């Protein structure tokens, strides 16, 4: 397996100067990198917002300097890149906990292949494939011998009352970090 630090993406952030002219506020490696060694997953936090519509100011404090949470904040968005390293499957051949978030998540496979596991079915995704994850119970697994890399764009959402009435009470709803639903 390659050194995960070598895969840290470059992030370019634009903004405005005091006269309203477009400028580059930062250009460098993603400042927040978290690796969950036991699960074989790397998180590269690129940007997030906490309101909708997202306030656009000339400059902004670094929004990723927070605890690792999976879903976006209420009315917020989040973009991150995840790497799923090979060789980290549990007894169910899963790499992540089974979970759902009350959000719409767009997942784009950038490199490798990863398995998306739902309640009673699964599919293998390859580089270039896009998933629209709509609050479903799911897990991820890299069952190959190479790194799988995905970009995720998460948008806060709300289950409709009709859907919420059909979901199990425990629901596996992830409200914070990768292990807060206890299904490991």
Protein backbone atom coordinates (compact mmCIF):
# COMPACT_ATOMS: atom_id res chain seq x y z
CA UNK A 1 0.00 0.00 0.00
CA UNK A 2 1.28 3.49 -0.80
CA UNK A 3 1.88 6.09 1.86
CA UNK A 4 -1.51 7.80 2.45
CA UNK A 5 0.17 11.18 3.00
CA UNK A 6 1.27 11.17 -0.65
CA UNK A 7 -2.36 11.35 -1.73
CA UNK A 8 -3.32 14.58 0.07
CA UNK A 9 -5.11 16.71 -2.53
CA UNK A 10 -4.28 20.30 -3.41
CA UNK A 11 -7.00 22.81 -2.50
CA UNK A 12 -7.31 26.24 -4.10
CA UNK A 13 -9.69 28.72 -2.42
CA UNK A 14 -10.72 31.98 -4.06
CA UNK A 15 -12.11 35.12 -2.50
CA UNK A 16 -11.97 38.91 -2.77
CA UNK A 17 -9.62 41.65 -1.67
CA UNK A 18 -10.74 44.88 0.01
CA UNK A 19 -11.60 46.39 -3.40
CA UNK A 20 -13.74 43.41 -4.43
CA UNK A 21 -11.14 42.05 -6.86
CA UNK A 22 -10.99 38.24 -7.25
CA UNK A 23 -7.94 36.74 -5.53
CA UNK A 24 -6.56 33.39 -4.40
CA UNK A 25 -6.95 33.14 -0.63
CA UNK A 26 -5.05 29.89 -0.34
CA UNK A 27 -3.35 27.33 -2.56
CA UNK A 28 -1.86 24.26 -0.95
CA UNK A 29 -2.51 20.85 0.49
CA UNK A 30 -5.84 20.22 2.22
CA UNK A 31 -5.22 21.43 5.79
CA UNK A 32 -7.25 18.77 7.63
CA UNK A 33 -6.32 15.13 7.09
CA UNK A 34 -7.58 12.35 9.33
CA UNK A 35 -6.75 8.68 9.00
CA UNK A 36 -8.72 6.00 10.82
CA UNK A 37 -5.97 3.41 10.76
CA UNK A 38 -8.07 0.58 12.18
CA UNK A 39 -10.72 1.03 9.50
CA UNK A 40 -8.31 1.80 6.68
CA UNK A 41 -10.03 5.05 5.71
CA UNK A 42 -8.53 8.48 5.09
CA UNK A 43 -10.59 11.68 5.28
CA UNK A 44 -9.44 14.82 3.46
CA UNK A 45 -11.73 17.65 4.56
CA UNK A 46 -11.85 20.17 1.70
CA UNK A 47 -14.57 22.70 2.65
CA UNK A 48 -17.92 23.00 4.36
CA UNK A 49 -20.65 25.53 4.91
CA UNK A 50 -23.10 25.89 7.76
CA UNK A 51 -26.01 27.74 6.19
CA UNK A 52 -28.20 27.77 3.10
CA UNK A 53 -27.85 29.85 1.13
CA UNK A 54 -24.14 29.78 1.96
CA UNK A 55 -22.83 33.20 2.95
CA UNK A 56 -20.13 34.40 0.55
CA UNK A 57 -17.75 36.86 2.21
CA UNK A 58 -14.50 38.37 0.92
CA UNK A 59 -12.50 36.12 3.26
CA UNK A 60 -13.46 33.32 5.62
CA UNK A 61 -11.89 31.47 8.52
CA UNK A 62 -10.83 27.89 7.79
CA UNK A 63 -14.12 25.91 8.01
CA UNK A 64 -12.58 22.44 8.21
CA UNK A 65 -10.81 22.91 11.55
CA UNK A 66 -13.51 21.00 13.45
CA UNK A 67 -14.17 17.52 14.77
CA UNK A 68 -14.59 14.83 12.15
CA UNK A 69 -18.29 14.51 11.41
CA UNK A 70 -19.79 12.63 8.52
CA UNK A 71 -23.01 14.55 7.81
CA UNK A 72 -22.97 18.28 7.10
CA UNK A 73 -24.23 20.70 9.72
CA UNK A 74 -27.92 21.68 9.62
CA UNK A 75 -28.58 23.57 6.36
CA UNK A 76 -24.95 23.00 5.44
CA UNK A 77 -22.79 21.33 2.84
CA UNK A 78 -19.53 19.42 2.94
CA UNK A 79 -16.98 18.28 0.38
CA UNK A 80 -14.30 15.73 1.19
CA UNK A 81 -12.21 13.07 -0.42
CA UNK A 82 -12.12 9.64 1.20
CA UNK A 83 -9.59 6.93 0.55
CA UNK A 84 -10.47 3.33 1.29
CA UNK A 85 -7.29 1.31 1.79
CA UNK A 86 -7.24 -2.40 0.96
CA UNK A 87 -7.07 -5.07 3.66
CA UNK A 88 -9.43 -3.53 6.24
CA UNK A 89 -12.64 -5.54 5.97
CA UNK A 90 -14.58 -6.69 9.02
CA UNK A 91 -16.25 -10.11 9.48
CA UNK A 92 -19.08 -8.97 7.15
CA UNK A 93 -16.64 -7.87 4.42
CA UNK A 94 -17.47 -4.21 5.18
CA UNK A 95 -15.04 -1.35 5.71
CA UNK A 96 -17.37 1.28 7.14
CA UNK A 97 -20.13 0.94 9.70
CA UNK A 98 -23.64 0.48 8.33
CA UNK A 99 -25.12 3.96 8.53
CA UNK A 100 -27.42 6.52 6.98
CA UNK A 101 -27.28 10.28 7.02
CA UNK A 102 -30.22 12.62 6.64
CA UNK A 103 -28.63 14.16 3.57
CA UNK A 104 -28.19 13.91 -0.17
CA UNK A 105 -24.65 12.73 -0.89
CA UNK A 106 -23.00 12.78 -4.29
CA UNK A 107 -20.14 10.28 -4.43
CA UNK A 108 -17.73 10.24 -7.37
CA UNK A 109 -15.23 7.40 -7.72
CA UNK A 110 -11.93 9.01 -8.67
CA UNK A 111 -9.69 5.96 -8.56
CA UNK A 112 -9.97 2.22 -8.01
CA UNK A 113 -13.14 0.34 -7.20
CA UNK A 114 -15.35 0.30 -4.14
CA UNK A 115 -18.43 -1.71 -3.20
CA UNK A 116 -21.58 0.14 -2.09
CA UNK A 117 -23.59 -2.16 0.18
CA UNK A 118 -27.30 -1.49 0.82
CA UNK A 119 -29.76 -3.48 2.96
CA UNK A 120 -30.16 -6.48 0.64
CA UNK A 121 -27.95 -5.72 -2.35
CA UNK A 122 -24.63 -4.27 -3.41
CA UNK A 123 -22.88 -2.93 -6.49
CA UNK A 124 -19.27 -2.42 -7.52
CA UNK A 125 -18.36 1.13 -8.51
CA UNK A 126 -15.38 2.02 -10.71
CA UNK A 127 -13.48 5.21 -11.51
CA UNK A 128 -15.87 7.65 -13.19
CA UNK A 129 -19.02 6.22 -11.59
CA UNK A 130 -21.27 8.58 -9.62
CA UNK A 131 -23.60 7.63 -6.75
CA UNK A 132 -26.52 9.74 -5.55
CA UNK A 133 -26.94 8.53 -1.97
CA UNK A 134 -30.39 9.59 -0.71
CA UNK A 135 -30.48 8.83 3.01
CA UNK A 136 -30.31 5.07 2.57
CA UNK A 137 -28.73 2.64 5.01
CA UNK A 138 -25.37 1.71 3.50
CA UNK A 139 -21.75 0.73 4.00
CA UNK A 140 -18.57 0.89 1.93
CA UNK A 141 -15.95 -1.77 1.23
CA UNK A 142 -12.75 -1.85 -0.77
CA UNK A 143 -12.41 -5.54 -1.63
CA UNK A 144 -9.60 -4.98 -4.13
CA UNK A 145 -5.86 -4.83 -3.55
CA UNK A 146 -5.55 -1.14 -4.53
CA UNK A 147 -6.62 2.15 -2.92
CA UNK A 148 -10.12 3.35 -3.79
CA UNK A 149 -10.52 7.13 -3.79
CA UNK A 150 -13.87 8.97 -3.80
CA UNK A 151 -15.01 12.58 -3.70
CA UNK A 152 -18.15 13.19 -1.64
CA UNK A 153 -20.35 16.28 -1.74
CA UNK A 154 -22.92 16.18 1.08
CA UNK A 155 -25.96 18.45 1.32
CA UNK A 156 -28.07 18.56 4.48
CA UNK A 157 -31.55 17.14 4.02
CA UNK A 158 -34.65 16.07 5.92
CA UNK A 159 -36.55 12.80 5.67
CA UNK A 160 -40.13 13.34 4.58
CA UNK A 161 -42.68 12.26 7.21
CA UNK A 162 -43.80 9.47 4.87
CA UNK A 163 -40.28 8.05 4.53
CA UNK A 164 -39.45 8.53 8.23
CA UNK A 165 -42.53 6.44 9.15
CA UNK A 166 -41.10 3.49 7.17
CA UNK A 167 -37.58 3.55 8.63
CA UNK A 168 -36.58 1.32 11.55
CA UNK A 169 -36.42 2.99 14.94
CA UNK A 170 -32.66 2.43 15.40
CA UNK A 171 -32.27 3.64 11.79
CA UNK A 172 -28.44 3.68 11.90
CA UNK A 173 -28.67 7.47 11.46
CA UNK A 174 -25.19 8.92 11.79
CA UNK A 175 -25.32 12.32 13.45
CA UNK A 176 -21.62 12.90 14.16
CA UNK A 177 -18.52 10.85 13.40
CA UNK A 178 -17.84 7.52 11.74
CA UNK A 179 -18.52 5.38 14.82
CA UNK A 180 -21.37 7.17 16.58
CA UNK A 181 -24.07 4.69 15.56
CA UNK A 182 -22.32 1.79 17.27
CA UNK A 183 -22.79 -0.69 14.40
CA UNK A 184 -19.27 -1.99 14.05
